[in-house]
């Protein structure tokens, strides 16, 4: 998880990323879900609100469909987390 958090901090400019809000927070939750293994409830607990992870991830997906900057950011983070 530390390596993924390091990528997130570098790509978003937020440190620590758990203090982020809005779209950045949704990117953090989505990346943690996809690359570190915790479920939505566990991610929500890390973020301080157990109910937000699933909803935030869905909203990010919806927003990414129409926003190329968000899609590119997610793709860059995903590429760096995979290899």
N, C-alpha and C. Protein backbone atom coordinates (compact mmCIF):
# COMPACT_ATOMS: atom_id res chain seq x y z
N UNK A 1 0.82 -1.18 0.00
CA UNK A 1 0.00 0.00 0.00
C UNK A 1 0.87 1.26 0.00
N UNK A 2 2.01 1.20 0.63
CA UNK A 2 2.89 2.37 0.69
C UNK A 2 3.34 2.82 -0.70
N UNK A 3 3.64 1.85 -1.57
CA UNK A 3 4.09 2.20 -2.93
C UNK A 3 2.96 2.88 -3.70
N UNK A 4 1.75 2.39 -3.54
CA UNK A 4 0.59 3.00 -4.21
C UNK A 4 0.34 4.40 -3.67
N UNK A 5 0.44 4.57 -2.37
CA UNK A 5 0.26 5.90 -1.77
C UNK A 5 1.33 6.87 -2.26
N UNK A 6 2.55 6.38 -2.44
CA UNK A 6 3.63 7.23 -2.95
C UNK A 6 3.32 7.70 -4.38
N UNK A 7 2.82 6.80 -5.22
CA UNK A 7 2.44 7.17 -6.58
C UNK A 7 1.32 8.21 -6.54
N UNK A 8 0.33 7.97 -5.70
CA UNK A 8 -0.79 8.91 -5.59
C UNK A 8 -0.32 10.29 -5.15
N UNK A 9 0.56 10.33 -4.16
CA UNK A 9 1.06 11.62 -3.67
C UNK A 9 1.83 12.35 -4.76
N UNK A 10 2.62 11.61 -5.54
CA UNK A 10 3.40 12.24 -6.60
C UNK A 10 2.49 12.77 -7.71
N UNK A 11 1.52 11.97 -8.12
CA UNK A 11 0.66 12.34 -9.25
C UNK A 11 -0.37 13.41 -8.89
N UNK A 12 -0.85 13.42 -7.66
CA UNK A 12 -1.88 14.39 -7.28
C UNK A 12 -1.30 15.64 -6.63
N UNK A 13 -0.06 15.55 -6.14
CA UNK A 13 0.54 16.69 -5.44
C UNK A 13 0.02 16.84 -4.02
N UNK A 14 -0.75 15.90 -3.54
CA UNK A 14 -1.31 15.96 -2.18
C UNK A 14 -0.49 15.07 -1.26
N UNK A 15 -0.16 15.58 -0.11
CA UNK A 15 0.56 14.78 0.88
C UNK A 15 0.11 15.19 2.27
N UNK A 16 -0.43 14.29 3.04
CA UNK A 16 -0.83 12.92 2.68
C UNK A 16 -2.12 12.93 1.86
N UNK A 17 -2.27 11.95 1.00
CA UNK A 17 -3.42 11.91 0.12
C UNK A 17 -4.73 11.72 0.86
N UNK A 18 -4.68 11.23 2.09
CA UNK A 18 -5.92 11.05 2.85
C UNK A 18 -6.57 12.37 3.25
N UNK A 19 -5.86 13.48 3.08
CA UNK A 19 -6.43 14.78 3.37
C UNK A 19 -7.07 15.41 2.14
N UNK A 20 -7.01 14.72 1.02
CA UNK A 20 -7.55 15.27 -0.21
C UNK A 20 -9.08 15.30 -0.17
N UNK A 21 -9.64 16.08 -1.08
CA UNK A 21 -11.10 16.21 -1.17
C UNK A 21 -11.54 16.08 -2.62
N UNK A 22 -12.83 15.97 -2.83
CA UNK A 22 -13.40 15.97 -4.17
C UNK A 22 -12.88 14.88 -5.07
N UNK A 23 -12.56 15.27 -6.29
CA UNK A 23 -12.12 14.31 -7.31
C UNK A 23 -10.84 13.61 -6.89
N UNK A 24 -9.92 14.34 -6.28
CA UNK A 24 -8.66 13.71 -5.85
C UNK A 24 -8.95 12.61 -4.84
N UNK A 25 -9.85 12.86 -3.92
CA UNK A 25 -10.21 11.84 -2.92
C UNK A 25 -10.81 10.62 -3.61
N UNK A 26 -11.63 10.84 -4.63
CA UNK A 26 -12.23 9.73 -5.36
C UNK A 26 -11.17 8.93 -6.12
N UNK A 27 -10.17 9.62 -6.68
CA UNK A 27 -9.07 8.94 -7.35
C UNK A 27 -8.30 8.08 -6.35
N UNK A 28 -8.06 8.62 -5.16
CA UNK A 28 -7.36 7.88 -4.11
C UNK A 28 -8.13 6.61 -3.76
N UNK A 29 -9.43 6.74 -3.52
CA UNK A 29 -10.23 5.57 -3.15
C UNK A 29 -10.26 4.52 -4.26
N UNK A 30 -10.40 4.96 -5.50
CA UNK A 30 -10.44 4.03 -6.63
C UNK A 30 -9.11 3.30 -6.78
N UNK A 31 -8.02 4.04 -6.66
CA UNK A 31 -6.70 3.43 -6.80
C UNK A 31 -6.44 2.43 -5.67
N UNK A 32 -6.77 2.81 -4.45
CA UNK A 32 -6.59 1.87 -3.34
C UNK A 32 -7.41 0.61 -3.56
N UNK A 33 -8.63 0.76 -4.01
CA UNK A 33 -9.49 -0.39 -4.25
C UNK A 33 -8.90 -1.30 -5.33
N UNK A 34 -8.42 -0.68 -6.41
CA UNK A 34 -7.92 -1.47 -7.54
C UNK A 34 -6.56 -2.11 -7.32
N UNK A 35 -5.72 -1.51 -6.47
CA UNK A 35 -4.34 -1.98 -6.40
C UNK A 35 -3.86 -2.44 -5.02
N UNK A 36 -4.65 -2.25 -3.97
CA UNK A 36 -4.14 -2.65 -2.66
C UNK A 36 -4.99 -3.70 -1.96
N UNK A 37 -6.20 -3.95 -2.41
CA UNK A 37 -6.96 -5.05 -1.85
C UNK A 37 -8.04 -4.76 -0.82
N UNK A 38 -8.05 -3.63 -0.13
CA UNK A 38 -9.12 -3.44 0.85
C UNK A 38 -10.47 -3.25 0.15
N UNK A 39 -11.54 -3.63 0.87
CA UNK A 39 -12.87 -3.43 0.30
C UNK A 39 -13.33 -1.99 0.55
N UNK A 40 -14.52 -1.66 0.05
CA UNK A 40 -15.02 -0.30 0.17
C UNK A 40 -15.11 0.17 1.62
N UNK A 41 -15.58 -0.69 2.50
CA UNK A 41 -15.72 -0.32 3.90
C UNK A 41 -14.36 -0.01 4.53
N UNK A 42 -13.37 -0.83 4.23
CA UNK A 42 -12.02 -0.61 4.77
C UNK A 42 -11.41 0.69 4.22
N UNK A 43 -11.63 0.96 2.95
CA UNK A 43 -11.13 2.21 2.37
C UNK A 43 -11.83 3.40 3.00
N UNK A 44 -13.13 3.29 3.17
CA UNK A 44 -13.88 4.36 3.83
C UNK A 44 -13.37 4.62 5.23
N UNK A 45 -13.03 3.55 5.93
CA UNK A 45 -12.48 3.71 7.29
C UNK A 45 -11.15 4.45 7.25
N UNK A 46 -10.30 4.13 6.27
CA UNK A 46 -9.02 4.83 6.12
C UNK A 46 -9.25 6.32 5.83
N UNK A 47 -10.29 6.62 5.07
CA UNK A 47 -10.60 7.99 4.69
C UNK A 47 -11.37 8.73 5.78
N UNK A 48 -11.84 7.99 6.78
CA UNK A 48 -12.55 8.64 7.88
C UNK A 48 -14.05 8.60 7.77
N UNK A 49 -14.60 7.99 6.73
CA UNK A 49 -16.05 7.89 6.56
C UNK A 49 -16.35 6.59 5.86
N UNK A 50 -16.89 5.64 6.59
CA UNK A 50 -17.07 4.28 6.08
C UNK A 50 -18.07 4.17 4.93
N UNK A 51 -18.87 5.18 4.68
CA UNK A 51 -19.92 5.05 3.67
C UNK A 51 -19.57 5.68 2.33
N UNK A 52 -18.41 6.30 2.20
CA UNK A 52 -18.15 7.11 1.01
C UNK A 52 -17.44 6.39 -0.13
N UNK A 53 -16.77 5.29 0.13
CA UNK A 53 -15.89 4.70 -0.89
C UNK A 53 -16.66 4.24 -2.13
N UNK A 54 -17.69 3.47 -1.97
CA UNK A 54 -18.43 2.96 -3.12
C UNK A 54 -19.05 4.10 -3.92
N UNK A 55 -19.67 5.01 -3.24
CA UNK A 55 -20.32 6.14 -3.90
C UNK A 55 -19.28 7.02 -4.61
N UNK A 56 -18.17 7.28 -3.96
CA UNK A 56 -17.12 8.09 -4.55
C UNK A 56 -16.52 7.46 -5.78
N UNK A 57 -16.30 6.15 -5.73
CA UNK A 57 -15.75 5.45 -6.88
C UNK A 57 -16.71 5.49 -8.05
N UNK A 58 -18.00 5.34 -7.80
CA UNK A 58 -19.00 5.40 -8.87
C UNK A 58 -19.04 6.80 -9.48
N UNK A 59 -19.05 7.82 -8.65
CA UNK A 59 -19.08 9.20 -9.16
C UNK A 59 -17.85 9.50 -10.01
N UNK A 60 -16.69 9.00 -9.59
CA UNK A 60 -15.47 9.21 -10.37
C UNK A 60 -15.59 8.55 -11.74
N UNK A 61 -16.11 7.33 -11.77
CA UNK A 61 -16.30 6.64 -13.05
C UNK A 61 -17.22 7.41 -13.98
N UNK A 62 -18.31 7.92 -13.42
CA UNK A 62 -19.25 8.71 -14.21
C UNK A 62 -18.59 9.98 -14.74
N UNK A 63 -17.84 10.65 -13.88
CA UNK A 63 -17.17 11.90 -14.27
C UNK A 63 -16.07 11.63 -15.30
N UNK A 64 -15.36 10.52 -15.15
CA UNK A 64 -14.25 10.20 -16.06
C UNK A 64 -14.75 9.94 -17.48
N UNK A 65 -15.99 9.50 -17.63
CA UNK A 65 -16.54 9.27 -18.96
C UNK A 65 -16.54 10.56 -19.79
N UNK A 66 -16.71 11.69 -19.12
CA UNK A 66 -16.84 12.97 -19.83
C UNK A 66 -15.65 13.90 -19.66
N UNK A 67 -14.67 13.52 -18.86
CA UNK A 67 -13.56 14.42 -18.56
C UNK A 67 -12.23 13.73 -18.89
N UNK A 68 -11.61 14.17 -19.96
CA UNK A 68 -10.37 13.52 -20.41
C UNK A 68 -9.24 13.69 -19.41
N UNK A 69 -9.17 14.84 -18.71
CA UNK A 69 -8.10 15.05 -17.72
C UNK A 69 -8.17 13.99 -16.63
N UNK A 70 -9.37 13.68 -16.17
CA UNK A 70 -9.53 12.67 -15.13
C UNK A 70 -9.14 11.30 -15.67
N UNK A 71 -9.58 10.98 -16.89
CA UNK A 71 -9.22 9.69 -17.50
C UNK A 71 -7.72 9.54 -17.61
N UNK A 72 -7.04 10.59 -18.07
CA UNK A 72 -5.59 10.54 -18.23
C UNK A 72 -4.91 10.36 -16.88
N UNK A 73 -5.35 11.09 -15.86
CA UNK A 73 -4.77 10.95 -14.52
C UNK A 73 -4.94 9.52 -14.01
N UNK A 74 -6.12 8.97 -14.16
CA UNK A 74 -6.37 7.59 -13.70
C UNK A 74 -5.48 6.61 -14.46
N UNK A 75 -5.36 6.80 -15.76
CA UNK A 75 -4.51 5.91 -16.58
C UNK A 75 -3.04 6.00 -16.16
N UNK A 76 -2.55 7.22 -15.92
CA UNK A 76 -1.15 7.40 -15.50
C UNK A 76 -0.90 6.73 -14.16
N UNK A 77 -1.80 6.93 -13.22
CA UNK A 77 -1.64 6.32 -11.89
C UNK A 77 -1.71 4.80 -12.02
N UNK A 78 -2.65 4.29 -12.79
CA UNK A 78 -2.80 2.84 -12.96
C UNK A 78 -1.54 2.23 -13.56
N UNK A 79 -0.99 2.88 -14.57
CA UNK A 79 0.23 2.39 -15.21
C UNK A 79 1.39 2.33 -14.22
N UNK A 80 1.54 3.36 -13.42
CA UNK A 80 2.63 3.40 -12.45
C UNK A 80 2.44 2.41 -11.31
N UNK A 81 1.20 2.14 -10.96
CA UNK A 81 0.94 1.18 -9.87
C UNK A 81 1.11 -0.26 -10.32
N UNK A 82 0.91 -0.51 -11.60
CA UNK A 82 1.04 -1.86 -12.12
C UNK A 82 2.49 -2.28 -12.34
N UNK A 83 3.34 -1.33 -12.58
CA UNK A 83 4.71 -1.73 -12.90
C UNK A 83 5.66 -0.89 -12.28
